[in-house]
Amino acid sequence: MHEGRVVEYVSRQLKTNERNYPTHDLELAVVVFALKSWKHYMYGARFSIFSDHKSLKYLFD
């Protein structure tokens, strides 16, 4: 979010093998997908990742 506003939305369908992933793996896959999709915005800049998923908190803290 930039100054409290959403910068961009992005989505995609799950691949066949991803449908069997546990929830925490899917949440992490979303973070990786977002970083790859928006790397041109973030390259060389500081950024924060916000997630409300409890099992991923250990990665971000």
N, C-alpha and C. Protein backbone atom coordinates (compact mmCIF):
# COMPACT_ATOMS: atom_id res chain seq x y z
N MET A 1 0.83 -1.17 0.00
CA MET A 1 0.00 0.00 0.00
C MET A 1 0.88 1.23 0.00
N HIS A 2 0.54 2.15 -0.81
CA HIS A 2 1.27 3.41 -0.90
C HIS A 2 0.41 4.49 -0.28
N GLU A 3 0.89 5.05 0.82
CA GLU A 3 0.15 6.09 1.54
C GLU A 3 -1.27 5.62 1.86
N GLY A 4 -1.40 4.35 2.26
CA GLY A 4 -2.69 3.81 2.63
C GLY A 4 -3.58 3.39 1.47
N ARG A 5 -3.04 3.37 0.26
CA ARG A 5 -3.82 3.00 -0.92
C ARG A 5 -3.18 1.82 -1.62
N VAL A 6 -4.02 1.00 -2.22
CA VAL A 6 -3.54 -0.15 -2.99
C VAL A 6 -2.87 0.35 -4.26
N VAL A 7 -1.70 -0.21 -4.58
CA VAL A 7 -0.96 0.19 -5.77
C VAL A 7 -1.44 -0.59 -6.98
N GLU A 8 -1.62 -1.90 -6.80
CA GLU A 8 -1.98 -2.75 -7.94
C GLU A 8 -2.57 -4.05 -7.42
N TYR A 9 -3.47 -4.64 -8.19
CA TYR A 9 -4.01 -5.96 -7.90
C TYR A 9 -3.49 -6.92 -8.96
N VAL A 10 -3.28 -8.17 -8.55
CA VAL A 10 -2.85 -9.20 -9.50
C VAL A 10 -3.43 -10.53 -9.04
N SER A 11 -3.75 -11.41 -9.98
CA SER A 11 -4.29 -12.72 -9.61
C SER A 11 -3.92 -13.74 -10.68
N ARG A 12 -4.08 -14.98 -10.31
CA ARG A 12 -3.89 -16.08 -11.25
C ARG A 12 -4.58 -17.32 -10.70
N GLN A 13 -4.80 -18.30 -11.54
CA GLN A 13 -5.39 -19.55 -11.09
C GLN A 13 -4.31 -20.47 -10.56
N LEU A 14 -4.70 -21.36 -9.66
CA LEU A 14 -3.76 -22.34 -9.14
C LEU A 14 -3.48 -23.39 -10.21
N LYS A 15 -2.23 -23.84 -10.25
CA LYS A 15 -1.88 -24.94 -11.14
C LYS A 15 -2.39 -26.23 -10.51
N THR A 16 -2.45 -27.29 -11.29
CA THR A 16 -3.02 -28.55 -10.82
C THR A 16 -2.32 -29.06 -9.57
N ASN A 17 -1.00 -29.04 -9.55
CA ASN A 17 -0.28 -29.55 -8.39
C ASN A 17 -0.40 -28.62 -7.18
N GLU A 18 -0.63 -27.34 -7.41
CA GLU A 18 -0.75 -26.38 -6.31
C GLU A 18 -2.06 -26.55 -5.54
N ARG A 19 -3.03 -27.17 -6.13
CA ARG A 19 -4.32 -27.38 -5.45
C ARG A 19 -4.18 -28.30 -4.25
N ASN A 20 -3.13 -29.07 -4.19
CA ASN A 20 -2.91 -29.98 -3.07
C ASN A 20 -2.02 -29.39 -1.99
N TYR A 21 -1.53 -28.18 -2.18
CA TYR A 21 -0.65 -27.53 -1.20
C TYR A 21 -1.43 -27.22 0.08
N PRO A 22 -0.78 -27.32 1.23
CA PRO A 22 -1.42 -26.85 2.47
C PRO A 22 -1.55 -25.33 2.45
N THR A 23 -2.38 -24.80 3.32
CA THR A 23 -2.69 -23.38 3.32
C THR A 23 -1.47 -22.50 3.50
N HIS A 24 -0.57 -22.86 4.42
CA HIS A 24 0.60 -22.01 4.66
C HIS A 24 1.53 -21.98 3.44
N ASP A 25 1.60 -23.07 2.69
CA ASP A 25 2.41 -23.07 1.46
C ASP A 25 1.78 -22.18 0.39
N LEU A 26 0.47 -22.19 0.30
CA LEU A 26 -0.21 -21.32 -0.66
C LEU A 26 -0.01 -19.85 -0.30
N GLU A 27 -0.08 -19.54 0.98
CA GLU A 27 0.14 -18.15 1.42
C GLU A 27 1.56 -17.70 1.07
N LEU A 28 2.54 -18.57 1.27
CA LEU A 28 3.91 -18.23 0.92
C LEU A 28 4.08 -18.12 -0.60
N ALA A 29 3.40 -18.98 -1.35
CA ALA A 29 3.46 -18.91 -2.81
C ALA A 29 2.90 -17.58 -3.31
N VAL A 30 1.91 -17.05 -2.63
CA VAL A 30 1.35 -15.75 -3.00
C VAL A 30 2.39 -14.65 -2.81
N VAL A 31 3.13 -14.72 -1.72
CA VAL A 31 4.18 -13.72 -1.46
C VAL A 31 5.25 -13.80 -2.55
N VAL A 32 5.68 -15.00 -2.88
CA VAL A 32 6.71 -15.18 -3.92
C VAL A 32 6.19 -14.68 -5.27
N PHE A 33 4.94 -15.00 -5.60
CA PHE A 33 4.35 -14.54 -6.86
C PHE A 33 4.29 -13.02 -6.91
N ALA A 34 3.90 -12.40 -5.81
CA ALA A 34 3.82 -10.94 -5.77
C ALA A 34 5.20 -10.31 -5.93
N LEU A 35 6.21 -10.87 -5.27
CA LEU A 35 7.56 -10.33 -5.39
C LEU A 35 8.09 -10.44 -6.82
N LYS A 36 7.79 -11.55 -7.47
CA LYS A 36 8.22 -11.72 -8.86
C LYS A 36 7.45 -10.77 -9.79
N SER A 37 6.16 -10.60 -9.53
CA SER A 37 5.33 -9.75 -10.40
C SER A 37 5.70 -8.28 -10.29
N TRP A 38 6.09 -7.84 -9.10
CA TRP A 38 6.32 -6.42 -8.85
C TRP A 38 7.78 -6.09 -8.61
N LYS A 39 8.68 -6.98 -9.03
CA LYS A 39 10.10 -6.74 -8.75
C LYS A 39 10.61 -5.45 -9.39
N HIS A 40 10.06 -5.06 -10.52
CA HIS A 40 10.51 -3.82 -11.17
C HIS A 40 10.14 -2.59 -10.35
N TYR A 41 9.10 -2.68 -9.51
CA TYR A 41 8.76 -1.57 -8.62
C TYR A 41 9.67 -1.55 -7.39
N MET A 42 10.08 -2.73 -6.93
CA MET A 42 10.77 -2.84 -5.65
C MET A 42 12.29 -2.87 -5.77
N TYR A 43 12.81 -3.05 -6.95
CA TYR A 43 14.26 -3.17 -7.11
C TYR A 43 14.96 -1.92 -6.59
N GLY A 44 15.84 -2.11 -5.63
CA GLY A 44 16.61 -1.02 -5.06
C GLY A 44 15.87 -0.19 -4.02
N ALA A 45 14.66 -0.59 -3.68
CA ALA A 45 13.87 0.18 -2.70
C ALA A 45 13.58 -0.68 -1.48
N ARG A 46 13.34 -0.01 -0.37
CA ARG A 46 12.90 -0.72 0.84
C ARG A 46 11.40 -0.94 0.74
N PHE A 47 10.95 -2.10 1.17
CA PHE A 47 9.52 -2.38 1.15
C PHE A 47 9.16 -3.28 2.31
N SER A 48 7.90 -3.33 2.63
CA SER A 48 7.39 -4.15 3.72
C SER A 48 6.37 -5.13 3.17
N ILE A 49 6.31 -6.30 3.79
CA ILE A 49 5.32 -7.30 3.44
C ILE A 49 4.39 -7.44 4.63
N PHE A 50 3.10 -7.30 4.40
CA PHE A 50 2.10 -7.45 5.44
C PHE A 50 1.28 -8.70 5.16
N SER A 51 1.10 -9.51 6.19
CA SER A 51 0.28 -10.71 6.06
C SER A 51 -0.45 -10.94 7.37
N ASP A 52 -1.69 -11.38 7.28
CA ASP A 52 -2.44 -11.70 8.49
C ASP A 52 -2.45 -13.21 8.74
N HIS A 53 -1.68 -13.95 7.99
CA HIS A 53 -1.64 -15.40 8.14
C HIS A 53 -0.68 -15.75 9.27
N LYS A 54 -1.18 -16.40 10.30
CA LYS A 54 -0.41 -16.65 11.53
C LYS A 54 0.79 -17.57 11.29
N SER A 55 0.67 -18.56 10.43
CA SER A 55 1.79 -19.50 10.26
C SER A 55 2.96 -18.88 9.50
N LEU A 56 2.77 -17.74 8.84
CA LEU A 56 3.87 -17.09 8.14
C LEU A 56 4.56 -16.03 8.99
N LYS A 57 4.02 -15.73 10.15
CA LYS A 57 4.60 -14.66 10.97
C LYS A 57 6.05 -14.94 11.32
N TYR A 58 6.43 -16.22 11.51
CA TYR A 58 7.80 -16.54 11.86
C TYR A 58 8.77 -16.16 10.75
N LEU A 59 8.33 -16.13 9.50
CA LEU A 59 9.20 -15.74 8.39
C LEU A 59 9.44 -14.24 8.35
N PHE A 60 8.42 -13.48 8.71
CA PHE A 60 8.48 -12.04 8.57
C PHE A 60 8.99 -11.33 9.81
N ASP A 61 9.06 -12.01 10.94
CA ASP A 61 9.54 -11.38 12.18
C ASP A 61 11.03 -11.53 12.34
